[in-house]
Amino acid sequence: MADMTETVGIVGGGSFGSALADMIGTKGHPVLHWYRTAEGAERFNATRENAKYLPGLTLSSNITATPDMDRVARASRLIIVSVPSMHFREVARKLGDSVDGSQILVSTTKGIEAHSFKLMTEILREETCCLKIGALSGPNLAKEIAAKKPSGTVIASRYDEVIRKVQDVVSGPYFRVYSNTDVYGVELGGVLKNAYAIATGLVASLKMGDNTMGMLITRALAEMSRFADKMGSNPLTFLGLAGVGDLITTCTSPLSRNYRVGLMIGQGKTLEQAVAEIGEVAEGINTIRIVKEKAAQLGVRMHILEGLHSLLFEGKDLPTVLKQLMNVPQMEDVEFAYRAEKGAPGDRTPSGPA
């Protein structure tokens, strides 16, 4: 059972960080919630509201916002990092100056570092002295979690202690935490699906129909699995919550930032206009750039992702891109064969409290 006097640290004052802080605080844990600025922390402490990202919701009284990273590190055994990928290394380095190696660090960020193709758990290992590291990922729309709608997620780590601690602290009556040891696969699933959500937003804006949407999401899963397999992850991970579960949610929900980017572009807005209107980071935009280059290096064909790149960054128009996608040579357009010798299942049933 969780020790309800144990403080949990949340690093990042965005929508998901605040939703997690509220969920953990509602269970009874004291939560130290790191904000980048003193002004943001003071505003939250005065109002109990994250007005920018979760407007209208009064969050748990057990949350204390602070701009002091040392305070968070000293008080917390479990620290969850939830900041955009473009700022992740900077924040991880700051965290690294404060931790002593005894803390458990968990990333919720679904992104890739552009110049290195490093995932967030790799950055945490490089920038801190902590060994017990994990990734939390799944179909987790922050506004639904904050509204306490039933949801599930996956904690991935090579350390059983990390899995048990996160299940103990985070799971609750409306949030179920599954486990997986394929850290890289779970992180890749959270990264890759963002790109395809832009594609499904485009499809939705053009009212192409359910057949088109079903084909697109299924073929996206095949591309994701092929890429993950080449990167050394278990393709079967993509049949779990952190793969197909997250893909379906992100590709069909108007709450998804990446889906809304595609929707707006399909309605005639530029990429810059769509990003400005959303006002939050849509990780899928950078993912398209970064993964296209990596896939070319690995010799992995990702037709949908390549089409998105040509639309967003190469000046091609949507009808041309759609025509190219529908004329992929049949010999290349095959279903991905999962190799039985990989063996490991996707998400395991939670061993901690549900």
Protein backbone atom coordinates (compact mmCIF):
# COMPACT_ATOMS: atom_id res chain seq x y z
CA MET A 1 0.00 0.00 0.00
CA ALA A 2 1.12 3.54 -0.75
CA ASP A 3 2.43 5.68 2.10
CA MET A 4 0.12 8.68 1.85
CA THR A 5 2.61 10.89 3.71
CA GLU A 6 5.19 10.36 0.94
CA THR A 7 5.70 13.45 -1.21
CA VAL A 8 5.64 13.01 -5.00
CA GLY A 9 7.41 15.45 -7.31
CA ILE A 10 5.90 16.58 -10.62
CA VAL A 11 8.19 18.57 -12.92
CA GLY A 12 6.32 20.62 -15.51
CA GLY A 13 3.28 22.86 -15.27
CA GLY A 14 1.54 21.82 -18.49
CA SER A 15 -1.77 20.01 -18.89
CA PHE A 16 -0.60 16.43 -18.28
CA GLY A 17 1.71 17.31 -15.40
CA SER A 18 -1.13 19.16 -13.69
CA ALA A 19 -3.61 16.33 -14.34
CA LEU A 20 -1.20 13.82 -12.78
CA ALA A 21 -0.54 16.12 -9.84
CA ASP A 22 -4.27 16.40 -9.21
CA MET A 23 -4.82 12.66 -9.48
CA ILE A 24 -1.97 11.86 -7.07
CA GLY A 25 -2.95 14.66 -4.72
CA THR A 26 -6.57 13.51 -4.68
CA LYS A 27 -5.35 10.10 -3.49
CA GLY A 28 -3.84 11.84 -0.47
CA HIS A 29 -0.17 12.28 -1.36
CA PRO A 30 1.49 15.66 -0.85
CA VAL A 31 2.63 16.81 -4.30
CA LEU A 32 5.41 19.30 -5.03
CA HIS A 33 4.71 20.66 -8.50
CA TRP A 34 7.65 22.38 -10.19
CA TYR A 35 6.85 25.41 -12.35
CA ARG A 36 9.41 27.14 -14.53
CA THR A 37 8.61 30.58 -13.07
CA ALA A 38 7.88 31.86 -9.59
CA GLU A 39 4.93 33.81 -11.01
CA GLY A 40 3.31 30.65 -12.37
CA ALA A 41 3.80 28.82 -9.07
CA GLU A 42 2.38 31.71 -7.04
CA ARG A 43 -0.63 31.98 -9.32
CA PHE A 44 -1.42 28.29 -8.93
CA ASN A 45 -1.02 28.36 -5.15
CA ALA A 46 -3.37 31.33 -4.93
CA THR A 47 -6.09 29.94 -7.23
CA ARG A 48 -5.64 26.10 -7.22
CA GLU A 49 -6.16 26.33 -11.00
CA ASN A 50 -3.93 25.86 -14.04
CA ALA A 51 -5.82 28.52 -15.95
CA LYS A 52 -3.81 28.15 -19.17
CA TYR A 53 -4.04 24.38 -19.65
CA LEU A 54 -6.90 23.14 -17.44
CA PRO A 55 -9.16 26.17 -17.12
CA GLY A 56 -12.16 25.95 -14.83
CA LEU A 57 -10.88 22.99 -12.79
CA THR A 58 -10.01 23.37 -9.11
CA LEU A 59 -7.11 21.02 -8.43
CA SER A 60 -6.21 19.13 -5.25
CA SER A 61 -5.37 21.08 -2.12
CA ASN A 62 -2.49 18.62 -1.57
CA ILE A 63 -0.54 20.23 -4.44
CA THR A 64 2.07 22.89 -3.69
CA ALA A 65 3.61 24.64 -6.70
CA THR A 66 7.24 25.77 -6.49
CA PRO A 67 9.97 27.04 -8.84
CA ASP A 68 12.61 25.43 -6.56
CA MET A 69 13.93 22.23 -8.16
CA ASP A 70 16.16 21.48 -5.16
CA ARG A 71 13.09 21.46 -2.93
CA VAL A 72 11.33 18.97 -5.20
CA ALA A 73 14.38 16.67 -5.35
CA ARG A 74 15.04 16.74 -1.60
CA ALA A 75 11.44 15.96 -0.67
CA SER A 76 10.49 13.36 -3.32
CA ARG A 77 11.50 9.76 -3.89
CA LEU A 78 9.36 9.56 -7.06
CA ILE A 79 9.74 12.44 -9.53
CA ILE A 80 7.64 12.53 -12.71
CA VAL A 81 8.96 14.74 -15.52
CA SER A 82 6.36 16.16 -17.89
CA VAL A 83 7.81 18.91 -20.08
CA PRO A 84 7.94 19.36 -23.91
CA SER A 85 10.76 17.47 -25.62
CA MET A 86 12.38 20.69 -26.86
CA HIS A 87 13.00 21.72 -23.23
CA PHE A 88 13.55 18.26 -21.79
CA ARG A 89 17.36 18.16 -21.72
CA GLU A 90 17.55 21.62 -20.17
CA VAL A 91 15.11 20.63 -17.41
CA ALA A 92 16.77 17.21 -16.95
CA ARG A 93 20.13 18.91 -16.49
CA LYS A 94 18.62 21.20 -13.86
CA LEU A 95 17.10 18.15 -12.16
CA GLY A 96 20.47 16.42 -12.38
CA ASP A 97 22.03 19.20 -10.30
CA SER A 98 19.49 18.50 -7.53
CA VAL A 99 19.04 14.71 -7.27
CA ASP A 100 21.38 12.43 -5.31
CA GLY A 101 20.75 9.18 -7.21
CA SER A 102 18.24 7.69 -4.79
CA GLN A 103 15.19 9.06 -6.62
CA ILE A 104 13.00 7.23 -9.12
CA LEU A 105 12.57 9.32 -12.29
CA VAL A 106 9.71 8.80 -14.73
CA SER A 107 9.18 10.62 -18.04
CA THR A 108 5.75 11.24 -19.54
CA THR A 109 7.08 13.23 -22.52
CA LYS A 110 6.25 11.79 -25.95
CA GLY A 111 8.99 13.21 -28.12
CA ILE A 112 12.46 12.75 -29.63
CA GLU A 113 15.48 15.02 -29.30
CA ALA A 114 16.07 16.35 -32.80
CA HIS A 115 19.84 16.26 -33.21
CA SER A 116 20.51 12.98 -31.37
CA PHE A 117 17.37 10.84 -31.84
CA LYS A 118 17.45 10.31 -28.09
CA LEU A 119 14.27 9.42 -26.23
CA MET A 120 13.49 11.02 -22.90
CA THR A 121 14.58 8.18 -20.62
CA GLU A 122 17.95 8.21 -22.39
CA ILE A 123 18.30 11.92 -21.66
CA LEU A 124 17.42 11.35 -17.99
CA ARG A 125 20.18 8.72 -17.81
CA GLU A 126 22.68 11.10 -19.39
CA GLU A 127 21.82 14.18 -17.35
CA THR A 128 21.23 12.69 -13.87
CA CYS A 129 22.93 10.20 -11.57
CA CYS A 130 19.68 8.24 -11.13
CA LEU A 131 19.53 4.65 -12.39
CA LYS A 132 15.91 3.77 -11.61
CA ILE A 133 14.15 5.36 -14.57
CA GLY A 134 10.90 4.66 -16.41
CA ALA A 135 8.48 5.97 -19.02
CA LEU A 136 4.73 6.47 -18.56
CA SER A 137 2.74 6.37 -21.79
CA GLY A 138 -0.69 5.45 -23.09
CA PRO A 139 -4.01 6.89 -24.31
CA ASN A 140 -3.91 9.70 -21.77
CA LEU A 141 -5.68 12.92 -22.75
CA ALA A 142 -5.01 15.30 -19.89
CA LYS A 143 -8.44 16.94 -19.81
CA GLU A 144 -10.20 13.57 -19.53
CA ILE A 145 -7.87 12.46 -16.73
CA ALA A 146 -8.43 15.75 -14.90
CA ALA A 147 -12.19 15.18 -15.30
CA LYS A 148 -11.68 11.75 -13.66
CA LYS A 149 -12.91 9.70 -16.61
CA PRO A 150 -11.74 6.04 -16.59
CA SER A 151 -8.34 5.71 -18.27
CA GLY A 152 -5.34 3.39 -18.45
CA THR A 153 -1.63 3.83 -19.01
CA VAL A 154 1.62 1.84 -19.13
CA ILE A 155 4.67 2.22 -16.93
CA ALA A 156 7.75 0.83 -18.67
CA SER A 157 11.01 0.17 -16.86
CA ARG A 158 13.73 -2.41 -16.49
CA TYR A 159 13.41 -2.05 -12.72
CA ASP A 160 10.57 -3.81 -10.90
CA GLU A 161 10.86 -1.24 -8.12
CA VAL A 162 9.99 1.56 -10.57
CA ILE A 163 6.97 -0.34 -11.87
CA ARG A 164 5.69 -1.14 -8.38
CA LYS A 165 6.20 2.41 -7.11
CA VAL A 166 4.37 4.02 -10.03
CA GLN A 167 1.50 1.53 -9.88
CA ASP A 168 1.21 2.11 -6.14
CA VAL A 169 1.27 5.91 -6.33
CA VAL A 170 -0.51 6.65 -9.60
CA SER A 171 -3.20 3.99 -9.98
CA GLY A 172 -6.63 4.70 -8.58
CA PRO A 173 -10.37 4.11 -8.99
CA TYR A 174 -10.43 5.75 -12.43
CA PHE A 175 -6.81 5.25 -13.58
CA ARG A 176 -5.34 1.77 -14.20
CA VAL A 177 -1.59 1.31 -14.61
CA TYR A 178 -0.23 -1.62 -16.66
CA SER A 179 3.44 -2.59 -16.95
CA ASN A 180 5.97 -3.39 -19.66
CA THR A 181 9.74 -3.91 -19.70
CA ASP A 182 10.15 -2.71 -23.31
CA VAL A 183 11.00 0.88 -22.39
CA TYR A 184 12.15 1.92 -25.86
CA GLY A 185 9.08 0.41 -27.54
CA VAL A 186 6.67 2.10 -25.12
CA GLU A 187 8.39 5.44 -25.67
CA LEU A 188 8.46 5.01 -29.45
CA GLY A 189 4.74 4.23 -29.47
CA GLY A 190 4.02 7.51 -27.71
CA VAL A 191 6.29 9.39 -30.09
CA LEU A 192 5.23 7.95 -33.45
CA LYS A 193 1.45 8.11 -33.03
CA ASN A 194 1.58 11.92 -32.84
CA ALA A 195 2.63 12.13 -36.49
CA TYR A 196 -0.23 9.96 -37.68
CA ALA A 197 -2.75 11.97 -35.68
CA ILE A 198 -1.94 14.91 -37.95
CA ALA A 199 -2.83 12.68 -40.90
CA THR A 200 -6.17 11.60 -39.40
CA GLY A 201 -7.00 15.22 -38.61
CA LEU A 202 -6.54 15.97 -42.31
CA VAL A 203 -8.78 13.04 -43.26
CA ALA A 204 -11.47 14.19 -40.83
CA SER A 205 -11.40 17.76 -42.18
CA LEU A 206 -11.95 16.48 -45.71
CA LYS A 207 -14.81 14.17 -44.59
CA MET A 208 -13.32 11.21 -46.44
CA GLY A 209 -15.25 8.64 -44.44
CA ASP A 210 -14.79 5.82 -41.98
CA ASN A 211 -13.22 3.42 -44.47
CA THR A 212 -10.43 5.90 -45.10
CA MET A 213 -9.92 6.48 -41.39
CA GLY A 214 -9.80 2.75 -40.62
CA MET A 215 -7.30 2.12 -43.40
CA LEU A 216 -5.12 5.04 -42.34
CA ILE A 217 -4.93 4.08 -38.65
CA THR A 218 -4.24 0.42 -39.45
CA ARG A 219 -1.52 1.23 -41.96
CA ALA A 220 -0.06 3.71 -39.48
CA LEU A 221 0.24 0.90 -36.93
CA ALA A 222 2.08 -1.22 -39.52
CA GLU A 223 4.54 1.60 -40.24
CA MET A 224 5.12 2.23 -36.54
CA SER A 225 5.74 -1.47 -35.89
CA ARG A 226 8.17 -1.82 -38.81
CA PHE A 227 10.16 1.16 -37.60
CA ALA A 228 10.17 -0.03 -33.97
CA ASP A 229 11.31 -3.49 -35.02
CA LYS A 230 14.23 -1.98 -36.94
CA MET A 231 15.14 0.11 -33.89
CA GLY A 232 15.30 -3.03 -31.75
CA SER A 233 11.98 -2.80 -29.92
CA ASN A 234 9.39 -5.55 -29.65
CA PRO A 235 6.67 -4.95 -32.28
CA LEU A 236 4.15 -6.69 -30.01
CA THR A 237 4.42 -3.72 -27.65
CA PHE A 238 2.46 -1.84 -30.29
CA LEU A 239 -0.55 -4.09 -29.75
CA GLY A 240 -0.92 -2.74 -26.20
CA LEU A 241 -2.17 0.49 -24.64
CA ALA A 242 1.06 2.35 -25.35
CA GLY A 243 0.80 1.39 -29.03
CA VAL A 244 -2.55 0.86 -30.70
CA GLY A 245 -4.45 2.22 -27.68
CA ASP A 246 -2.63 5.55 -27.78
CA LEU A 247 -2.74 5.59 -31.59
CA ILE A 248 -6.53 5.23 -31.77
CA THR A 249 -7.15 7.85 -29.08
CA THR A 250 -4.77 10.42 -30.50
CA CYS A 251 -5.93 9.83 -34.07
CA THR A 252 -9.63 10.28 -33.35
CA SER A 253 -10.03 12.78 -30.50
CA PRO A 254 -10.56 16.52 -30.96
CA LEU A 255 -8.75 16.91 -27.62
CA SER A 256 -5.54 15.73 -29.34
CA ARG A 257 -3.31 18.67 -30.26
CA ASN A 258 -1.79 16.81 -33.22
CA TYR A 259 -5.22 15.81 -34.56
CA ARG A 260 -6.30 19.45 -34.34
CA VAL A 261 -3.20 20.55 -36.27
CA GLY A 262 -4.20 18.25 -39.15
CA LEU A 263 -7.82 19.35 -38.91
CA MET A 264 -6.90 23.02 -39.24
CA ILE A 265 -4.48 22.43 -42.12
CA GLY A 266 -7.22 20.51 -43.93
CA GLN A 267 -9.47 23.52 -43.42
CA GLY A 268 -6.98 25.75 -45.21
CA LYS A 269 -4.78 27.13 -42.44
CA THR A 270 -1.01 27.10 -42.64
CA LEU A 271 1.06 25.00 -40.25
CA GLU A 272 2.16 28.16 -38.46
CA GLN A 273 -1.43 29.38 -38.06
CA ALA A 274 -2.57 26.00 -36.70
CA VAL A 275 0.24 25.85 -34.13
CA ALA A 276 -0.40 29.42 -33.01
CA GLU A 277 -4.13 28.83 -32.59
CA ILE A 278 -3.64 25.67 -30.51
CA GLY A 279 -1.19 27.43 -28.20
CA GLU A 280 0.44 24.19 -26.98
CA VAL A 281 3.28 22.02 -28.29
CA ALA A 282 2.18 19.50 -30.93
CA GLU A 283 5.04 16.98 -30.79
CA GLY A 284 4.02 15.28 -34.04
CA ILE A 285 5.33 18.15 -36.18
CA ASN A 286 8.96 17.62 -35.15
CA THR A 287 8.43 13.85 -35.08
CA ILE A 288 7.65 13.88 -38.81
CA ARG A 289 10.91 15.66 -39.60
CA ILE A 290 13.09 13.56 -37.33
CA VAL A 291 11.63 10.10 -38.03
CA LYS A 292 11.58 10.57 -41.80
CA GLU A 293 15.34 11.13 -41.76
CA LYS A 294 15.96 8.20 -39.42
CA ALA A 295 13.73 5.86 -41.43
CA ALA A 296 15.66 6.73 -44.59
CA GLN A 297 18.92 5.88 -42.80
CA LEU A 298 17.48 2.53 -41.68
CA GLY A 299 15.90 1.71 -45.04
CA VAL A 300 12.38 1.57 -43.60
CA ARG A 301 9.58 2.72 -45.92
CA MET A 302 6.99 4.82 -44.09
CA HIS A 303 4.69 5.98 -46.89
CA ILE A 304 2.21 7.92 -44.74
CA LEU A 305 4.89 9.72 -42.79
CA GLU A 306 6.76 10.53 -46.00
CA GLY A 307 3.54 11.94 -47.45
CA LEU A 308 3.04 14.13 -44.39
CA HIS A 309 6.59 15.42 -44.70
CA SER A 310 6.10 16.32 -48.36
CA LEU A 311 2.86 18.14 -47.50
CA LEU A 312 4.12 20.09 -44.48
CA PHE A 313 7.74 20.77 -45.40
CA GLU A 314 8.25 20.20 -49.14
CA GLY A 315 5.46 22.34 -50.59
CA LYS A 316 3.36 19.55 -52.13
CA ASP A 317 -0.42 19.99 -52.14
CA LEU A 318 -2.82 17.59 -50.47
CA PRO A 319 -4.40 16.09 -53.64
CA THR A 320 -0.92 15.20 -54.96
CA VAL A 321 0.07 13.57 -51.68
CA LEU A 322 -3.16 11.56 -51.48
CA LYS A 323 -2.72 10.36 -55.06
CA GLN A 324 0.82 9.22 -54.28
CA LEU A 325 -0.33 7.31 -51.20
CA MET A 326 -3.07 5.52 -53.10
CA ASN A 327 -0.60 4.51 -55.83
CA VAL A 328 2.04 2.87 -53.65
CA PRO A 329 3.23 -0.25 -55.54
CA GLN A 330 1.28 -3.26 -54.33
CA MET A 331 4.42 -5.30 -53.78
CA GLU A 332 5.53 -2.72 -51.18
CA ASP A 333 2.15 -2.42 -49.48
CA VAL A 334 2.12 -5.59 -47.41
CA GLU A 335 0.96 -6.30 -43.89
CA PHE A 336 3.72 -6.38 -41.29
CA ALA A 337 4.49 -9.91 -40.09
CA TYR A 338 5.09 -10.08 -36.35
CA ARG A 339 7.88 -12.50 -35.61
CA ALA A 340 6.91 -15.14 -33.09
CA GLU A 341 10.44 -15.41 -31.75
CA LYS A 342 10.17 -11.92 -30.26
CA GLY A 343 8.02 -13.60 -27.66
CA ALA A 344 7.18 -10.88 -25.17
CA PRO A 345 3.57 -9.77 -24.73
CA GLY A 346 2.43 -6.17 -24.95
CA ASP A 347 1.08 -4.85 -21.66
CA ARG A 348 1.00 -7.13 -18.64
CA THR A 349 -1.88 -7.10 -16.21
CA PRO A 350 -1.12 -4.74 -13.34
CA SER A 351 0.60 -6.38 -10.41
CA GLY A 352 -0.05 -3.39 -8.18
CA PRO A 353 -3.38 -1.99 -6.98
CA ALA A 354 -5.92 -1.25 -9.70
